[in-house]
PDB file of all heavy atoms in Angstrom:
ATOM      1  N   ALA A   1       0.846  -1.198   0.000  1.00  0.00           N
ATOM      2  CA  ALA A   1       0.000   0.000   0.000  1.00  0.00           C
ATOM      3  C   ALA A   1       0.874   1.239   0.000  1.00  0.00           C
ATOM      4  O   ALA A   1       2.094   1.161   0.153  1.00  0.00           O
ATOM      5  CB  ALA A   1      -0.923   0.012   1.221  1.00  0.00           C
ATOM      6  N   ILE A   2       0.222   2.387  -0.158  1.00  0.00           N
ATOM      7  CA  ILE A   2       0.915   3.663  -0.030  1.00  0.00           C
ATOM      8  C   ILE A   2       1.148   3.900   1.460  1.00  0.00           C
ATOM      9  O   ILE A   2       0.249   3.697   2.258  1.00  0.00           O
ATOM     10  CB  ILE A   2       0.061   4.825  -0.590  1.00  0.00           C
ATOM     11  CG1 ILE A   2      -0.331   4.544  -2.046  1.00  0.00           C
ATOM     12  CG2 ILE A   2       0.753   6.160  -0.441  1.00  0.00           C
ATOM     13  CD1 ILE A   2       0.793   4.599  -3.021  1.00  0.00           C
ATOM     14  N   ASP A   3       2.334   4.300   1.832  1.00  0.00           N
ATOM     15  CA  ASP A   3       2.626   4.574   3.240  1.00  0.00           C
ATOM     16  C   ASP A   3       2.312   6.032   3.551  1.00  0.00           C
ATOM     17  O   ASP A   3       2.071   6.835   2.660  1.00  0.00           O
ATOM     18  CB  ASP A   3       4.104   4.298   3.533  1.00  0.00           C
ATOM     19  CG  ASP A   3       4.286   3.472   4.783  1.00  0.00           C
ATOM     20  OD1 ASP A   3       3.292   3.188   5.462  1.00  0.00           O
ATOM     21  OD2 ASP A   3       5.441   3.112   5.073  1.00  0.00           O
ATOM     22  N   GLY A   4       2.331   6.370   4.816  1.00  0.00           N
ATOM     23  CA  GLY A   4       2.138   7.762   5.200  1.00  0.00           C
ATOM     24  C   GLY A   4       0.778   8.010   5.799  1.00  0.00           C
ATOM     25  O   GLY A   4       0.311   7.271   6.648  1.00  0.00           O
ATOM     26  N   LYS A   5       0.102   9.047   5.318  1.00  0.00           N
ATOM     27  CA  LYS A   5      -1.135   9.492   5.944  1.00  0.00           C
ATOM     28  C   LYS A   5      -2.330   8.577   5.698  1.00  0.00           C
ATOM     29  O   LYS A   5      -3.327   8.657   6.391  1.00  0.00           O
ATOM     30  CB  LYS A   5      -1.482  10.902   5.486  1.00  0.00           C
ATOM     31  CG  LYS A   5      -1.848  11.008   4.020  1.00  0.00           C
ATOM     32  CD  LYS A   5      -2.190  12.439   3.637  1.00  0.00           C
ATOM     33  CE  LYS A   5      -2.600  12.526   2.181  1.00  0.00           C
ATOM     34  NZ  LYS A   5      -3.050  13.839   1.816  1.00  0.00           N
ATOM     35  N   TYR A   6      -2.255   7.692   4.729  1.00  0.00           N
ATOM     36  CA  TYR A   6      -3.399   6.850   4.394  1.00  0.00           C
ATOM     37  C   TYR A   6      -3.505   5.648   5.324  1.00  0.00           C
ATOM     38  O   TYR A   6      -2.502   5.103   5.750  1.00  0.00           O
ATOM     39  CB  TYR A   6      -3.310   6.399   2.929  1.00  0.00           C
ATOM     40  CG  TYR A   6      -3.260   7.566   1.990  1.00  0.00           C
ATOM     41  CD1 TYR A   6      -2.085   7.902   1.340  1.00  0.00           C
ATOM     42  CD2 TYR A   6      -4.382   8.354   1.790  1.00  0.00           C
ATOM     43  CE1 TYR A   6      -2.025   8.995   0.486  1.00  0.00           C
ATOM     44  CE2 TYR A   6      -4.346   9.449   0.939  1.00  0.00           C
ATOM     45  CZ  TYR A   6      -3.157   9.763   0.297  1.00  0.00           C
ATOM     46  OH  TYR A   6      -3.111  10.848  -0.535  1.00  0.00           O
ATOM     47  N   LYS A   7      -4.725   5.254   5.623  1.00  0.00           N
ATOM     48  CA  LYS A   7      -4.982   4.159   6.558  1.00  0.00           C
ATOM     49  C   LYS A   7      -5.357   2.879   5.827  1.00  0.00           C
ATOM     50  O   LYS A   7      -6.108   2.051   6.366  1.00  0.00           O
ATOM     51  CB  LYS A   7      -6.104   4.567   7.516  1.00  0.00           C
ATOM     52  CG  LYS A   7      -5.792   5.803   8.332  1.00  0.00           C
ATOM     53  CD  LYS A   7      -7.007   6.208   9.160  1.00  0.00           C
ATOM     54  CE  LYS A   7      -6.736   7.474   9.934  1.00  0.00           C
ATOM     55  NZ  LYS A   7      -6.948   8.692   9.150  1.00  0.00           N
ATOM     56  N   ASP A   8      -4.889   2.688   4.603  1.00  0.00           N
ATOM     57  CA  ASP A   8      -5.266   1.526   3.805  1.00  0.00           C
ATOM     58  C   ASP A   8      -5.046   0.235   4.588  1.00  0.00           C
ATOM     59  O   ASP A   8      -3.933  -0.055   5.021  1.00  0.00           O
ATOM     60  CB  ASP A   8      -4.456   1.479   2.513  1.00  0.00           C
ATOM     61  CG  ASP A   8      -4.883   2.562   1.542  1.00  0.00           C
ATOM     62  OD1 ASP A   8      -6.093   2.676   1.295  1.00  0.00           O
ATOM     63  OD2 ASP A   8      -4.007   3.291   1.054  1.00  0.00           O
ATOM     64  N   SER A   9      -6.117  -0.507   4.798  1.00  0.00           N
ATOM     65  CA  SER A   9      -6.032  -1.714   5.597  1.00  0.00           C
ATOM     66  C   SER A   9      -6.904  -2.815   5.012  1.00  0.00           C
ATOM     67  O   SER A   9      -7.760  -2.568   4.173  1.00  0.00           O
ATOM     68  CB  SER A   9      -6.437  -1.426   7.038  1.00  0.00           C
ATOM     69  OG  SER A   9      -7.714  -0.824   7.070  1.00  0.00           O
ATOM     70  N   LEU A  10      -6.646  -4.028   5.466  1.00  0.00           N
ATOM     71  CA  LEU A  10      -7.386  -5.203   5.022  1.00  0.00           C
ATOM     72  C   LEU A  10      -8.016  -5.907   6.213  1.00  0.00           C
ATOM     73  O   LEU A  10      -7.408  -5.988   7.281  1.00  0.00           O
ATOM     74  CB  LEU A  10      -6.453  -6.206   4.336  1.00  0.00           C
ATOM     75  CG  LEU A  10      -6.080  -5.966   2.897  1.00  0.00           C
ATOM     76  CD1 LEU A  10      -5.057  -7.006   2.442  1.00  0.00           C
ATOM     77  CD2 LEU A  10      -7.295  -6.004   1.997  1.00  0.00           C
ATOM     78  N   LYS A  11      -9.203  -6.416   5.991  1.00  0.00           N
ATOM     79  CA  LYS A  11      -9.827  -7.338   6.934  1.00  0.00           C
ATOM     80  C   LYS A  11      -9.724  -8.721   6.296  1.00  0.00           C
ATOM     81  O   LYS A  11      -9.971  -8.883   5.099  1.00  0.00           O
ATOM     82  CB  LYS A  11     -11.290  -6.982   7.171  1.00  0.00           C
ATOM     83  CG  LYS A  11     -11.473  -5.683   7.926  1.00  0.00           C
ATOM     84  CD  LYS A  11     -12.946  -5.388   8.134  1.00  0.00           C
ATOM     85  CE  LYS A  11     -13.107  -4.071   8.889  1.00  0.00           C
ATOM     86  NZ  LYS A  11     -14.528  -3.712   9.083  1.00  0.00           N
ATOM     87  N   ILE A  12      -9.351  -9.708   7.093  1.00  0.00           N
ATOM     88  CA  ILE A  12      -9.222 -11.081   6.631  1.00  0.00           C
ATOM     89  C   ILE A  12     -10.375 -11.883   7.228  1.00  0.00           C
ATOM     90  O   ILE A  12     -10.614 -11.851   8.428  1.00  0.00           O
ATOM     91  CB  ILE A  12      -7.865 -11.693   7.068  1.00  0.00           C
ATOM     92  CG1 ILE A  12      -6.694 -10.809   6.623  1.00  0.00           C
ATOM     93  CG2 ILE A  12      -7.727 -13.117   6.561  1.00  0.00           C
ATOM     94  CD1 ILE A  12      -6.585 -10.580   5.141  1.00  0.00           C
ATOM     95  N   TRP A  13     -11.092 -12.585   6.358  1.00  0.00           N
ATOM     96  CA  TRP A  13     -12.273 -13.350   6.756  1.00  0.00           C
ATOM     97  C   TRP A  13     -12.149 -14.788   6.268  1.00  0.00           C
ATOM     98  O   TRP A  13     -11.529 -15.043   5.232  1.00  0.00           O
ATOM     99  CB  TRP A  13     -13.526 -12.750   6.123  1.00  0.00           C
ATOM    100  CG  TRP A  13     -13.801 -11.318   6.442  1.00  0.00           C
ATOM    101  CD1 TRP A  13     -13.163 -10.211   5.939  1.00  0.00           C
ATOM    102  CD2 TRP A  13     -14.797 -10.803   7.317  1.00  0.00           C
ATOM    103  NE1 TRP A  13     -13.722  -9.065   6.447  1.00  0.00           N
ATOM    104  CE2 TRP A  13     -14.733  -9.400   7.301  1.00  0.00           C
ATOM    105  CE3 TRP A  13     -15.772 -11.419   8.118  1.00  0.00           C
ATOM    106  CZ2 TRP A  13     -15.574  -8.593   8.035  1.00  0.00           C
ATOM    107  CZ3 TRP A  13     -16.621 -10.610   8.858  1.00  0.00           C
ATOM    108  CH2 TRP A  13     -16.515  -9.209   8.820  1.00  0.00           C
ATOM    109  N   ILE A  14     -12.762 -15.727   6.993  1.00  0.00           N
ATOM    110  CA  ILE A  14     -12.797 -17.133   6.580  1.00  0.00           C
ATOM    111  C   ILE A  14     -14.219 -17.659   6.743  1.00  0.00           C
ATOM    112  O   ILE A  14     -14.890 -17.375   7.738  1.00  0.00           O
ATOM    113  CB  ILE A  14     -11.797 -17.981   7.387  1.00  0.00           C
ATOM    114  CG1 ILE A  14     -10.370 -17.559   7.032  1.00  0.00           C
ATOM    115  CG2 ILE A  14     -12.010 -19.480   7.130  1.00  0.00           C
ATOM    116  CD1 ILE A  14      -9.277 -18.299   7.754  1.00  0.00           C
ATOM    117  N   SER A  15     -14.655 -18.435   5.747  1.00  0.00           N
ATOM    118  CA  SER A  15     -15.944 -19.117   5.802  1.00  0.00           C
ATOM    119  C   SER A  15     -15.704 -20.611   5.644  1.00  0.00           C
ATOM    120  O   SER A  15     -14.895 -21.018   4.815  1.00  0.00           O
ATOM    121  CB  SER A  15     -16.868 -18.630   4.684  1.00  0.00           C
ATOM    122  OG  SER A  15     -18.001 -19.479   4.575  1.00  0.00           O
ATOM    123  N   THR A  16     -16.421 -21.407   6.414  1.00  0.00           N
ATOM    124  CA  THR A  16     -16.321 -22.861   6.291  1.00  0.00           C
ATOM    125  C   THR A  16     -17.545 -23.455   5.595  1.00  0.00           C
ATOM    126  O   THR A  16     -17.685 -24.670   5.524  1.00  0.00           O
ATOM    127  CB  THR A  16     -16.171 -23.514   7.684  1.00  0.00           C
ATOM    128  OG1 THR A  16     -17.281 -23.121   8.495  1.00  0.00           O
ATOM    129  CG2 THR A  16     -14.868 -23.106   8.343  1.00  0.00           C
ATOM    130  N   SER A  17     -18.416 -22.582   5.073  1.00  0.00           N
ATOM    131  CA  SER A  17     -19.622 -23.109   4.436  1.00  0.00           C
ATOM    132  C   SER A  17     -19.751 -22.711   2.968  1.00  0.00           C
ATOM    133  O   SER A  17     -19.884 -23.568   2.094  1.00  0.00           O
ATOM    134  CB  SER A  17     -20.870 -22.690   5.201  1.00  0.00           C
ATOM    135  OG  SER A  17     -20.938 -21.281   5.303  1.00  0.00           O
ATOM    136  N   ASP A  18     -19.721 -21.417   2.679  1.00  0.00           N
ATOM    137  CA  ASP A  18     -19.917 -20.955   1.305  1.00  0.00           C
ATOM    138  C   ASP A  18     -19.287 -19.573   1.146  1.00  0.00           C
ATOM    139  O   ASP A  18     -18.665 -19.063   2.077  1.00  0.00           O
ATOM    140  CB  ASP A  18     -21.402 -20.933   0.934  1.00  0.00           C
ATOM    141  CG  ASP A  18     -22.234 -20.133   1.926  1.00  0.00           C
ATOM    142  OD1 ASP A  18     -21.852 -18.990   2.260  1.00  0.00           O
ATOM    143  OD2 ASP A  18     -23.279 -20.665   2.373  1.00  0.00           O
ATOM    144  N   SER A  19     -19.472 -18.969  -0.025  1.00  0.00           N
ATOM    145  CA  SER A  19     -18.839 -17.669  -0.288  1.00  0.00           C
ATOM    146  C   SER A  19     -19.806 -16.492  -0.107  1.00  0.00           C
ATOM    147  O   SER A  19     -19.511 -15.388  -0.559  1.00  0.00           O
ATOM    148  CB  SER A  19     -18.233 -17.647  -1.692  1.00  0.00           C
ATOM    149  OG  SER A  19     -19.241 -17.839  -2.658  1.00  0.00           O
ATOM    150  N   LEU A  20     -20.933 -16.713   0.560  1.00  0.00           N
ATOM    151  CA  LEU A  20     -21.845 -15.612   0.868  1.00  0.00           C
ATOM    152  C   LEU A  20     -21.255 -14.774   2.001  1.00  0.00           C
ATOM    153  O   LEU A  20     -20.749 -15.319   2.983  1.00  0.00           O
ATOM    154  CB  LEU A  20     -23.215 -16.147   1.279  1.00  0.00           C
ATOM    155  CG  LEU A  20     -23.956 -16.979   0.229  1.00  0.00           C
ATOM    156  CD1 LEU A  20     -25.229 -17.566   0.820  1.00  0.00           C
ATOM    157  CD2 LEU A  20     -24.254 -16.143  -0.999  1.00  0.00           C
ATOM    158  N   LEU A  21     -21.302 -13.449   1.883  1.00  0.00           N
ATOM    159  CA  LEU A  21     -20.663 -12.581   2.873  1.00  0.00           C
ATOM    160  C   LEU A  21     -21.139 -12.851   4.295  1.00  0.00           C
ATOM    161  O   LEU A  21     -20.363 -12.771   5.245  1.00  0.00           O
ATOM    162  CB  LEU A  21     -20.876 -11.113   2.514  1.00  0.00           C
ATOM    163  CG  LEU A  21     -20.237 -10.646   1.197  1.00  0.00           C
ATOM    164  CD1 LEU A  21     -20.363  -9.142   1.047  1.00  0.00           C
ATOM    165  CD2 LEU A  21     -18.791 -11.093   1.082  1.00  0.00           C
ATOM    166  N   ILE A  22     -22.392 -13.198   4.465  1.00  0.00           N
ATOM    167  CA  ILE A  22     -22.943 -13.455   5.798  1.00  0.00           C
ATOM    168  C   ILE A  22     -22.297 -14.669   6.468  1.00  0.00           C
ATOM    169  O   ILE A  22     -22.345 -14.826   7.686  1.00  0.00           O
ATOM    170  CB  ILE A  22     -24.477 -13.599   5.736  1.00  0.00           C
ATOM    171  CG1 ILE A  22     -25.076 -13.474   7.119  1.00  0.00           C
ATOM    172  CG2 ILE A  22     -24.874 -14.884   5.038  1.00  0.00           C
ATOM    173  CD1 ILE A  22     -26.567 -13.279   7.125  1.00  0.00           C
ATOM    174  N   SER A  23     -21.655 -15.538   5.694  1.00  0.00           N
ATOM    175  CA  SER A  23     -21.059 -16.772   6.218  1.00  0.00           C
ATOM    176  C   SER A  23     -19.643 -16.583   6.753  1.00  0.00           C
ATOM    177  O   SER A  23     -19.095 -17.490   7.374  1.00  0.00           O
ATOM    178  CB  SER A  23     -21.039 -17.843   5.121  1.00  0.00           C
ATOM    179  OG  SER A  23     -22.337 -18.075   4.632  1.00  0.00           O
ATOM    180  N   PHE A  24     -19.048 -15.429   6.521  1.00  0.00           N
ATOM    181  CA  PHE A  24     -17.648 -15.217   6.893  1.00  0.00           C
ATOM    182  C   PHE A  24     -17.492 -14.734   8.339  1.00  0.00           C
ATOM    183  O   PHE A  24     -18.341 -14.024   8.860  1.00  0.00           O
ATOM    184  CB  PHE A  24     -16.992 -14.199   5.948  1.00  0.00           C
ATOM    185  CG  PHE A  24     -16.633 -14.789   4.617  1.00  0.00           C
ATOM    186  CD1 PHE A  24     -17.541 -14.792   3.573  1.00  0.00           C
ATOM    187  CD2 PHE A  24     -15.379 -15.344   4.410  1.00  0.00           C
ATOM    188  CE1 PHE A  24     -17.212 -15.337   2.340  1.00  0.00           C
ATOM    189  CE2 PHE A  24     -15.040 -15.889   3.178  1.00  0.00           C
ATOM    190  CZ  PHE A  24     -15.958 -15.889   2.149  1.00  0.00           C
ATOM    191  N   ARG A  25     -16.362 -15.136   8.938  1.00  0.00           N
ATOM    192  CA  ARG A  25     -15.972 -14.678  10.275  1.00  0.00           C
ATOM    193  C   ARG A  25     -14.624 -13.965  10.139  1.00  0.00           C
ATOM    194  O   ARG A  25     -13.687 -14.495   9.527  1.00  0.00           O
ATOM    195  CB  ARG A  25     -15.835 -15.879  11.209  1.00  0.00           C
ATOM    196  CG  ARG A  25     -15.352 -15.543  12.610  1.00  0.00           C
ATOM    197  CD  ARG A  25     -15.270 -16.789  13.475  1.00  0.00           C
ATOM    198  NE  ARG A  25     -14.222 -17.700  13.089  1.00  0.00           N
ATOM    199  CZ  ARG A  25     -12.957 -17.638  13.539  1.00  0.00           C
ATOM    200  NH1 ARG A  25     -12.585 -16.716  14.378  1.00  0.00           N
ATOM    201  NH2 ARG A  25     -12.079 -18.536  13.135  1.00  0.00           N
ATOM    202  N   MET A  26     -14.521 -12.749  10.709  1.00  0.00           N
ATOM    203  CA  MET A  26     -13.275 -11.990  10.603  1.00  0.00           C
ATOM    204  C   MET A  26     -12.205 -12.601  11.517  1.00  0.00           C
ATOM    205  O   MET A  26     -12.474 -12.890  12.680  1.00  0.00           O
ATOM    206  CB  MET A  26     -13.482 -10.517  10.964  1.00  0.00           C
ATOM    207  CG  MET A  26     -12.262  -9.677  10.633  1.00  0.00           C
ATOM    208  SD  MET A  26     -12.526  -7.894  10.757  1.00  0.00           S
ATOM    209  CE  MET A  26     -12.641  -7.685  12.502  1.00  0.00           C
ATOM    210  N   VAL A  27     -10.990 -12.788  10.953  1.00  0.00           N
ATOM    211  CA  VAL A  27      -9.887 -13.357  11.726  1.00  0.00           C
ATOM    212  C   VAL A  27      -8.722 -12.382  11.910  1.00  0.00           C
ATOM    213  O   VAL A  27      -7.849 -12.624  12.735  1.00  0.00           O
ATOM    214  CB  VAL A  27      -9.378 -14.676  11.100  1.00  0.00           C
ATOM    215  CG1 VAL A  27     -10.476 -15.731  11.134  1.00  0.00           C
ATOM    216  CG2 VAL A  27      -8.877 -14.477   9.680  1.00  0.00           C
ATOM    217  N   ASP A  28      -8.709 -11.290  11.166  1.00  0.00           N
ATOM    218  CA  ASP A  28      -7.629 -10.305  11.316  1.00  0.00           C
ATOM    219  C   ASP A  28      -8.038  -8.992  10.662  1.00  0.00           C
ATOM    220  O   ASP A  28      -8.906  -8.961   9.786  1.00  0.00           O
ATOM    221  CB  ASP A  28      -6.338 -10.812  10.671  1.00  0.00           C
ATOM    222  CG  ASP A  28      -5.098 -10.037  11.111  1.00  0.00           C
ATOM    223  OD1 ASP A  28      -5.156  -9.298  12.114  1.00  0.00           O
ATOM    224  OD2 ASP A  28      -4.047 -10.183  10.446  1.00  0.00           O
ATOM    225  N   TYR A  29      -7.376  -7.924  11.097  1.00  0.00           N
ATOM    226  CA  TYR A  29      -7.594  -6.583  10.553  1.00  0.00           C
ATOM    227  C   TYR A  29      -6.281  -5.836  10.736  1.00  0.00           C
ATOM    228  O   TYR A  29      -5.799  -5.698  11.857  1.00  0.00           O
ATOM    229  CB  TYR A  29      -8.732  -5.911  11.319  1.00  0.00           C
ATOM    230  CG  TYR A  29      -9.147  -4.541  10.823  1.00  0.00           C
ATOM    231  CD1 TYR A  29      -9.109  -4.195   9.489  1.00  0.00           C
ATOM    232  CD2 TYR A  29      -9.616  -3.590  11.726  1.00  0.00           C
ATOM    233  CE1 TYR A  29      -9.520  -2.947   9.054  1.00  0.00           C
ATOM    234  CE2 TYR A  29     -10.037  -2.335  11.304  1.00  0.00           C
ATOM    235  CZ  TYR A  29      -9.979  -2.023   9.975  1.00  0.00           C
ATOM    236  OH  TYR A  29     -10.392  -0.782   9.539  1.00  0.00           O
ATOM    237  N   PHE A  30      -5.649  -5.403   9.652  1.00  0.00           N
ATOM    238  CA  PHE A  30      -4.342  -4.754   9.777  1.00  0.00           C
ATOM    239  C   PHE A  30      -4.137  -3.686   8.706  1.00  0.00           C
ATOM    240  O   PHE A  30      -4.715  -3.747   7.633  1.00  0.00           O
ATOM    241  CB  PHE A  30      -3.211  -5.794   9.695  1.00  0.00           C
ATOM    242  CG  PHE A  30      -3.076  -6.481   8.365  1.00  0.00           C
ATOM    243  CD1 PHE A  30      -2.152  -6.037   7.428  1.00  0.00           C
ATOM    244  CD2 PHE A  30      -3.867  -7.575   8.049  1.00  0.00           C
ATOM    245  CE1 PHE A  30      -2.031  -6.667   6.197  1.00  0.00           C
ATOM    246  CE2 PHE A  30      -3.748  -8.218   6.823  1.00  0.00           C
ATOM    247  CZ  PHE A  30      -2.824  -7.758   5.889  1.00  0.00           C
ATOM    248  N   LYS A  31      -3.290  -2.693   9.050  1.00  0.00           N
ATOM    249  CA  LYS A  31      -2.885  -1.662   8.090  1.00  0.00           C
ATOM    250  C   LYS A  31      -1.779  -2.260   7.226  1.00  0.00           C
ATOM    251  O   LYS A  31      -0.818  -2.830   7.740  1.00  0.00           O
ATOM    252  CB  LYS A  31      -2.380  -0.415   8.793  1.00  0.00           C
ATOM    253  CG  LYS A  31      -1.998   0.691   7.814  1.00  0.00           C
ATOM    254  CD  LYS A  31      -1.436   1.906   8.535  1.00  0.00           C
ATOM    255  CE  LYS A  31      -1.056   3.010   7.573  1.00  0.00           C
ATOM    256  NZ  LYS A  31      -0.142   2.652   6.516  1.00  0.00           N
ATOM    257  N   VAL A  32      -1.927  -2.145   5.936  1.00  0.00           N
ATOM    258  CA  VAL A  32      -0.956  -2.704   5.000  1.00  0.00           C
ATOM    259  C   VAL A  32       0.223  -1.745   4.866  1.00  0.00           C
ATOM    260  O   VAL A  32       0.044  -0.533   4.768  1.00  0.00           O
ATOM    261  CB  VAL A  32      -1.613  -2.974   3.630  1.00  0.00           C
ATOM    262  CG1 VAL A  32      -0.607  -3.556   2.653  1.00  0.00           C
ATOM    263  CG2 VAL A  32      -2.809  -3.898   3.792  1.00  0.00           C
ATOM    264  N   ASP A  33       1.432  -2.302   4.874  1.00  0.00           N
ATOM    265  CA  ASP A  33       2.651  -1.504   4.807  1.00  0.00           C
ATOM    266  C   ASP A  33       2.949  -1.022   3.395  1.00  0.00           C
ATOM    267  O   ASP A  33       2.527  -1.618   2.414  1.00  0.00           O
ATOM    268  CB  ASP A  33       3.855  -2.322   5.289  1.00  0.00           C
ATOM    269  CG  ASP A  33       3.804  -2.602   6.777  1.00  0.00           C
ATOM    270  OD1 ASP A  33       3.229  -1.784   7.514  1.00  0.00           O
ATOM    271  OD2 ASP A  33       4.333  -3.641   7.199  1.00  0.00           O
ATOM    272  N   GLY A  34       3.717   0.037   3.305  1.00  0.00           N
ATOM    273  CA  GLY A  34       4.233   0.578   2.061  1.00  0.00           C
ATOM    274  C   GLY A  34       5.731   0.407   2.057  1.00  0.00           C
ATOM    275  O   GLY A  34       6.245  -0.445   2.763  1.00  0.00           O
ATOM    276  N   PRO A  35       6.438   1.218   1.300  1.00  0.00           N
ATOM    277  CA  PRO A  35       5.994   2.322   0.464  1.00  0.00           C
ATOM    278  C   PRO A  35       5.491   1.840  -0.900  1.00  0.00           C
ATOM    279  O   PRO A  35       5.509   0.645  -1.195  1.00  0.00           O
ATOM    280  CB  PRO A  35       7.256   3.162   0.304  1.00  0.00           C
ATOM    281  CG  PRO A  35       8.373   2.179   0.377  1.00  0.00           C
ATOM    282  CD  PRO A  35       7.905   1.121   1.348  1.00  0.00           C
ATOM    283  N   ALA A  36       5.076   2.787  -1.708  1.00  0.00           N
ATOM    284  CA  ALA A  36       4.562   2.492  -3.043  1.00  0.00           C
ATOM    285  C   ALA A  36       5.546   1.619  -3.809  1.00  0.00           C
ATOM    286  O   ALA A  36       6.747   1.863  -3.789  1.00  0.00           O
ATOM    287  CB  ALA A  36       4.304   3.782  -3.816  1.00  0.00           C
ATOM    288  N   GLY A  37       5.022   0.604  -4.463  1.00  0.00           N
ATOM    289  CA  GLY A  37       5.848  -0.259  -5.299  1.00  0.00           C
ATOM    290  C   GLY A  37       6.441  -1.457  -4.592  1.00  0.00           C
ATOM    291  O   GLY A  37       7.132  -2.253  -5.219  1.00  0.00           O
TER     292      GLY A  37
END
């Protein structure tokens, strides 16, 4: 991700049943590191 003032982050989810969003459970949430490239 771009580093600095931006808070670009990812949530990581896992489902054991199907790919419907309601089936997922969040397992992590983190700010992605930079710098650009």
